[in-house]
Amino acid sequence: MFARIAIVLFSFAAAIACAGPLGPDGRPGTALPGKFIWFDLATENVAAARVFYGAVFDWKFEQVSGGPPEYTVIRNATGKVGGMFRKPRRNDVRAGAHWLSLISVRDVQESARIVSERGGSVLLAPTQVPGRGTHAVFRDPQGAIFGVLAATGGDPADDPIVDGDVFWLDLFTPDPAKAAQFYADLAGYEVGEGPTRAGPKRSYLVTGAVARAGIIAQQSAGLAPAWLPYFLVDDVPATIEKARRAGGKVLVAPRVEYLNGKVAVLADPNGGVFGIVDWP
């Protein structure tokens, strides 16, 4: 597992080091620390990923001018969603794909220091990329992989989310209280608990009175801790059917007790896991 992650990160660093503007559609001077502002898919087959996600979300894809052919920017109807890059496969590593979510921070070097002091690991050291900003990739103390980014062009404002955007994120982890304290120390979150309309009990990571993500106790000991992004859709059953026709799998089917059946968890043909949600 960790060998596979290392290959993902080395590929990620190589792809973006010579690329152009690969950050969010930010507003200069706008900083929203704690907001998840960029999402990258590491996958063995970028061409196949483009076909799958284009069919499911109607995303459009753009090669970065002057960058390597492996990196693709993802766009929906209103702007950038994130990117995808090729993760080469080694013989001793299982095939797969992985979504990497990046949190806005003011100081990436300081984030790396906090991660190390709080028992996490630095997997990709703070790296400055022209046109993007400075980013790093970490493993939290319980094993979940995530990134941070101080975007040169500023952070996107909290505008209304549209279909195809990342609407929400959940961290599935064996010790939610410990995880909540770690991320509060890292990104200045307030941690709260409250009623939920979507299944299991959550803790909430909040900045500026906005809930940015949830933390859920992991029920299965056989699963690795992970961040799960949910993309907004207007019809969960129709989106599931599109995903199935494109070669995806349903990992968690809609259930009436989870947001009235308006949420599901899917996997792309290479194993990249993501959620979908229809939020009124």
Protein backbone atom coordinates (compact mmCIF):
# COMPACT_ATOMS: atom_id res chain seq x y z
CA MET A 1 0.00 0.00 0.00
CA PHE A 2 2.65 2.54 1.01
CA ALA A 3 4.82 1.60 -2.00
CA ARG A 4 1.88 2.36 -4.25
CA ILE A 5 1.33 5.73 -2.57
CA ALA A 6 4.99 6.63 -2.99
CA ILE A 7 4.80 5.96 -6.73
CA VAL A 8 1.67 8.15 -6.95
CA LEU A 9 3.42 11.04 -5.25
CA PHE A 10 6.63 10.83 -7.28
CA SER A 11 4.54 10.82 -10.46
CA PHE A 12 2.50 13.76 -9.17
CA ALA A 13 5.62 15.83 -8.46
CA ALA A 14 7.14 15.06 -11.86
CA ALA A 15 3.95 15.92 -13.72
CA ILE A 16 3.34 19.28 -12.14
CA ALA A 17 6.91 20.52 -11.80
CA CYS A 18 7.02 21.72 -15.40
CA ALA A 19 3.36 22.52 -15.93
CA GLY A 20 1.55 25.82 -16.18
CA PRO A 21 -1.35 27.22 -14.12
CA LEU A 22 -2.67 24.15 -12.32
CA GLY A 23 -4.46 25.76 -9.43
CA PRO A 24 -8.06 26.66 -8.74
CA ASP A 25 -10.04 29.53 -10.26
CA GLY A 26 -9.14 31.71 -7.32
CA ARG A 27 -9.63 35.37 -6.59
CA PRO A 28 -6.36 37.26 -6.04
CA GLY A 29 -5.98 38.22 -2.42
CA THR A 30 -8.65 35.76 -1.28
CA ALA A 31 -7.46 33.22 1.29
CA LEU A 32 -9.84 30.73 2.90
CA PRO A 33 -7.59 28.48 5.01
CA GLY A 34 -9.26 25.15 5.69
CA LYS A 35 -11.24 25.07 2.46
CA PHE A 36 -10.57 22.15 0.11
CA ILE A 37 -9.64 23.94 -3.10
CA TRP A 38 -8.14 21.39 -5.52
CA PHE A 39 -8.60 17.71 -6.39
CA ASP A 40 -6.25 15.48 -8.37
CA LEU A 41 -6.85 12.00 -9.71
CA ALA A 42 -3.75 9.83 -9.96
CA THR A 43 -4.51 7.05 -12.43
CA GLU A 44 -2.68 4.58 -14.63
CA ASN A 45 -4.80 5.43 -17.65
CA VAL A 46 -5.61 9.11 -18.10
CA ALA A 47 -7.31 8.52 -21.46
CA ALA A 48 -9.68 5.95 -19.96
CA ALA A 49 -10.35 8.21 -16.98
CA ARG A 50 -11.28 11.04 -19.31
CA VAL A 51 -13.78 8.80 -21.10
CA PHE A 52 -15.32 7.57 -17.83
CA TYR A 53 -15.63 10.88 -16.00
CA GLY A 54 -16.69 12.69 -19.15
CA ALA A 55 -19.56 10.23 -19.53
CA VAL A 56 -20.57 10.40 -15.86
CA PHE A 57 -20.25 14.13 -15.11
CA ASP A 58 -19.99 15.70 -18.57
CA TRP A 59 -16.60 17.08 -17.60
CA LYS A 60 -14.35 18.63 -20.24
CA PHE A 61 -10.58 18.15 -20.27
CA GLU A 62 -7.71 20.40 -21.21
CA GLN A 63 -4.05 19.62 -21.81
CA VAL A 64 -1.87 22.11 -19.97
CA SER A 65 0.07 24.25 -22.43
CA GLY A 66 3.78 23.52 -22.14
CA GLY A 67 3.20 20.75 -19.62
CA PRO A 68 3.64 17.01 -19.89
CA PRO A 69 0.97 15.03 -21.76
CA GLU A 70 0.17 13.10 -18.58
CA TYR A 71 -1.45 16.08 -16.84
CA THR A 72 -5.01 17.10 -17.67
CA VAL A 73 -7.10 19.88 -16.16
CA ILE A 74 -10.73 18.98 -15.41
CA ARG A 75 -13.47 21.53 -16.11
CA ASN A 76 -17.20 21.59 -15.64
CA ALA A 77 -19.68 24.19 -16.89
CA THR A 78 -18.40 26.97 -14.64
CA GLY A 79 -14.65 26.40 -14.29
CA LYS A 80 -11.92 24.13 -13.01
CA VAL A 81 -12.70 21.11 -10.86
CA GLY A 82 -9.18 19.73 -10.52
CA GLY A 83 -6.77 17.63 -12.55
CA MET A 84 -5.63 14.14 -13.38
CA PHE A 85 -2.19 12.73 -14.05
CA ARG A 86 -0.66 9.42 -15.03
CA LYS A 87 0.58 7.16 -12.26
CA PRO A 88 2.94 4.57 -13.81
CA ARG A 89 2.44 1.01 -12.69
CA ARG A 90 5.20 -1.15 -11.29
CA ASN A 91 5.12 -4.92 -11.32
CA ASP A 92 4.96 -5.15 -7.53
CA VAL A 93 2.16 -2.61 -7.17
CA ARG A 94 -1.52 -3.32 -7.67
CA ALA A 95 -3.36 -1.38 -10.35
CA GLY A 96 -5.51 1.47 -9.18
CA ALA A 97 -6.39 5.12 -8.98
CA HIS A 98 -6.63 7.57 -6.10
CA TRP A 99 -8.32 10.94 -5.56
CA LEU A 100 -6.11 13.43 -3.69
CA SER A 101 -7.80 16.40 -1.98
CA LEU A 102 -5.86 19.57 -1.12
CA ILE A 103 -6.62 21.99 1.71
CA SER A 104 -5.91 25.72 1.49
CA VAL A 105 -3.23 26.86 3.95
CA ARG A 106 -1.30 30.10 4.33
CA ASP A 107 2.12 28.54 4.98
CA VAL A 108 2.96 25.13 3.56
CA GLN A 109 6.29 24.91 5.39
CA GLU A 110 4.51 25.52 8.69
CA SER A 111 1.95 22.85 7.75
CA ALA A 112 4.76 20.35 7.19
CA ARG A 113 6.20 21.19 10.60
CA ILE A 114 2.83 20.69 12.32
CA VAL A 115 2.19 17.40 10.51
CA SER A 116 5.57 16.02 11.61
CA GLU A 117 5.16 17.21 15.21
CA ARG A 118 1.65 15.74 15.49
CA GLY A 119 2.68 12.27 14.31
CA GLY A 120 1.95 12.49 10.58
CA SER A 121 4.34 12.00 7.66
CA VAL A 122 5.54 14.28 4.89
CA LEU A 123 5.20 12.31 1.63
CA LEU A 124 5.90 15.16 -0.77
CA ALA A 125 7.90 18.04 0.73
CA PRO A 126 6.72 21.63 0.18
CA THR A 127 7.23 22.37 -3.51
CA GLN A 128 6.75 25.67 -5.32
CA VAL A 129 5.20 25.43 -8.78
CA PRO A 130 5.00 28.56 -10.99
CA GLY A 131 1.41 29.46 -11.74
CA ARG A 132 0.06 27.17 -9.04
CA GLY A 133 1.62 28.05 -5.70
CA THR A 134 3.25 25.90 -3.07
CA HIS A 135 1.92 22.50 -2.15
CA ALA A 136 2.82 19.38 -0.19
CA VAL A 137 1.35 15.93 0.41
CA PHE A 138 1.03 14.33 3.84
CA ARG A 139 -0.19 11.23 5.60
CA ASP A 140 -2.09 11.96 8.80
CA PRO A 141 -1.29 9.98 11.99
CA GLN A 142 -3.92 7.35 11.19
CA GLY A 143 -2.86 6.88 7.58
CA ALA A 144 -5.15 9.07 5.43
CA ILE A 145 -3.43 10.84 2.53
CA PHE A 146 -4.16 14.51 1.76
CA GLY A 147 -2.47 17.60 0.38
CA VAL A 148 -2.19 21.30 1.18
CA LEU A 149 -1.89 24.22 -1.22
CA ALA A 150 -1.10 27.91 -0.86
CA ALA A 151 -2.45 29.02 -4.23
CA THR A 152 -0.69 31.87 -6.03
CA GLY A 153 -3.91 33.10 -7.60
CA GLY A 154 -5.91 33.03 -4.37
CA ASP A 155 -8.68 30.71 -3.25
CA PRO A 156 -12.08 30.40 -4.92
CA ALA A 157 -14.84 32.16 -3.02
CA ASP A 158 -17.65 30.26 -1.35
CA ASP A 159 -19.95 30.61 -4.32
CA PRO A 160 -22.88 28.23 -4.87
CA ILE A 161 -21.78 24.76 -5.93
CA VAL A 162 -22.91 23.50 -9.35
CA ASP A 163 -23.28 19.97 -10.71
CA GLY A 164 -19.92 18.30 -11.23
CA ASP A 165 -18.20 20.24 -8.44
CA VAL A 166 -16.93 18.68 -5.24
CA PHE A 167 -19.75 19.37 -2.81
CA TRP A 168 -18.49 17.69 0.35
CA LEU A 169 -15.72 15.53 1.81
CA ASP A 170 -15.72 12.91 4.55
CA LEU A 171 -12.72 11.47 6.35
CA PHE A 172 -13.22 7.83 7.31
CA THR A 173 -10.86 7.05 10.17
CA PRO A 174 -10.71 4.75 13.21
CA ASP A 175 -10.37 7.56 15.78
CA PRO A 176 -12.46 10.62 14.82
CA ALA A 177 -11.56 12.59 17.95
CA LYS A 178 -7.83 12.19 17.37
CA ALA A 179 -8.23 13.05 13.68
CA ALA A 180 -10.31 16.12 14.46
CA GLN A 181 -7.64 17.46 16.81
CA PHE A 182 -4.91 16.84 14.23
CA TYR A 183 -6.72 18.77 11.48
CA ALA A 184 -7.75 21.53 13.89
CA ASP A 185 -4.09 22.04 14.78
CA LEU A 186 -3.10 21.95 11.12
CA ALA A 187 -5.68 24.22 9.49
CA GLY A 188 -7.33 26.12 12.33
CA TYR A 189 -10.66 24.31 12.14
CA GLU A 190 -13.29 24.55 14.81
CA VAL A 191 -14.68 21.10 15.48
CA GLY A 192 -18.37 20.59 16.05
CA GLU A 193 -21.00 17.91 16.10
CA GLY A 194 -24.56 18.29 15.02
CA PRO A 195 -27.54 16.63 13.40
CA THR A 196 -26.88 14.86 10.13
CA ARG A 197 -29.18 14.13 7.22
CA ALA A 198 -26.86 11.59 5.67
CA GLY A 199 -26.40 8.49 7.77
CA PRO A 200 -23.70 7.96 10.39
CA LYS A 201 -22.66 10.39 13.10
CA ARG A 202 -20.17 13.03 11.96
CA SER A 203 -17.84 15.54 13.45
CA TYR A 204 -17.56 18.70 11.38
CA LEU A 205 -14.48 20.73 10.46
CA VAL A 206 -15.57 24.37 10.32
CA THR A 207 -13.89 27.63 9.28
CA GLY A 208 -15.59 31.00 9.04
CA ALA A 209 -18.93 29.47 10.08
CA VAL A 210 -18.76 27.18 7.01
CA ALA A 211 -18.61 23.40 7.45
CA ARG A 212 -15.77 22.23 5.19
CA ALA A 213 -15.75 18.47 5.76
CA GLY A 214 -16.89 15.66 8.02
CA ILE A 215 -15.16 12.96 10.02
CA ILE A 216 -16.80 9.55 10.41
CA ALA A 217 -15.74 6.56 12.48
CA GLN A 218 -14.53 3.78 10.21
CA GLN A 219 -16.64 0.68 10.69
CA SER A 220 -14.46 -1.89 8.91
CA ALA A 221 -10.98 -2.73 10.19
CA GLY A 222 -10.04 -3.96 6.71
CA LEU A 223 -10.24 -0.53 5.08
CA ALA A 224 -7.47 2.06 5.10
CA PRO A 225 -8.35 5.53 6.46
CA ALA A 226 -9.12 7.87 3.57
CA TRP A 227 -10.67 11.13 2.45
CA LEU A 228 -13.72 10.71 0.22
CA PRO A 229 -14.86 13.55 -2.10
CA TYR A 230 -18.53 13.73 -3.11
CA PHE A 231 -19.50 15.31 -6.44
CA LEU A 232 -22.82 17.12 -6.77
CA VAL A 233 -25.32 15.61 -9.22
CA ASP A 234 -28.99 16.28 -9.93
CA ASP A 235 -30.05 12.61 -10.20
CA VAL A 236 -28.30 9.86 -8.24
CA PRO A 237 -29.92 6.84 -10.00
CA ALA A 238 -29.24 8.32 -13.45
CA THR A 239 -25.61 9.03 -12.51
CA ILE A 240 -25.18 5.48 -11.21
CA GLU A 241 -26.49 4.14 -14.50
CA LYS A 242 -24.05 6.31 -16.44
CA ALA A 243 -21.19 5.06 -14.27
CA ARG A 244 -22.19 1.42 -14.75
CA ARG A 245 -22.44 1.83 -18.52
CA ALA A 246 -18.96 3.41 -18.50
CA GLY A 247 -17.44 0.52 -16.55
CA GLY A 248 -17.69 1.81 -12.98
CA LYS A 249 -18.91 0.00 -9.88
CA VAL A 250 -21.32 0.83 -7.07
CA LEU A 251 -19.62 0.41 -3.70
CA VAL A 252 -22.37 1.85 -1.52
CA ALA A 253 -25.82 1.91 -3.10
CA PRO A 254 -28.41 4.56 -2.20
CA ARG A 255 -30.27 3.81 1.03
CA VAL A 256 -33.30 5.62 2.32
CA GLU A 257 -31.70 6.21 5.73
CA TYR A 258 -28.79 8.03 4.04
CA LEU A 259 -30.11 11.40 2.86
CA ASN A 260 -33.32 9.83 1.57
CA GLY A 261 -31.40 7.74 -0.95
CA LYS A 262 -29.69 10.74 -2.51
CA VAL A 263 -26.08 9.69 -1.88
CA ALA A 264 -23.93 6.81 -3.13
CA VAL A 265 -20.28 5.77 -3.35
CA LEU A 266 -18.81 4.60 -6.67
CA ALA A 267 -15.49 3.49 -8.13
CA ASP A 268 -14.13 4.24 -11.58
CA PRO A 269 -12.80 1.36 -13.75
CA ASN A 270 -9.29 1.78 -12.28
CA GLY A 271 -10.51 1.82 -8.70
CA GLY A 272 -10.69 5.56 -7.96
CA VAL A 273 -13.34 5.93 -5.24
CA PHE A 274 -15.69 8.91 -5.05
CA GLY A 275 -19.15 9.79 -3.80
CA ILE A 276 -22.11 11.41 -5.50
CA VAL A 277 -24.82 13.43 -3.77
CA ASP A 278 -28.02 15.16 -4.81
CA TRP A 279 -28.40 17.98 -2.30
CA PRO A 280 -31.62 19.99 -2.66
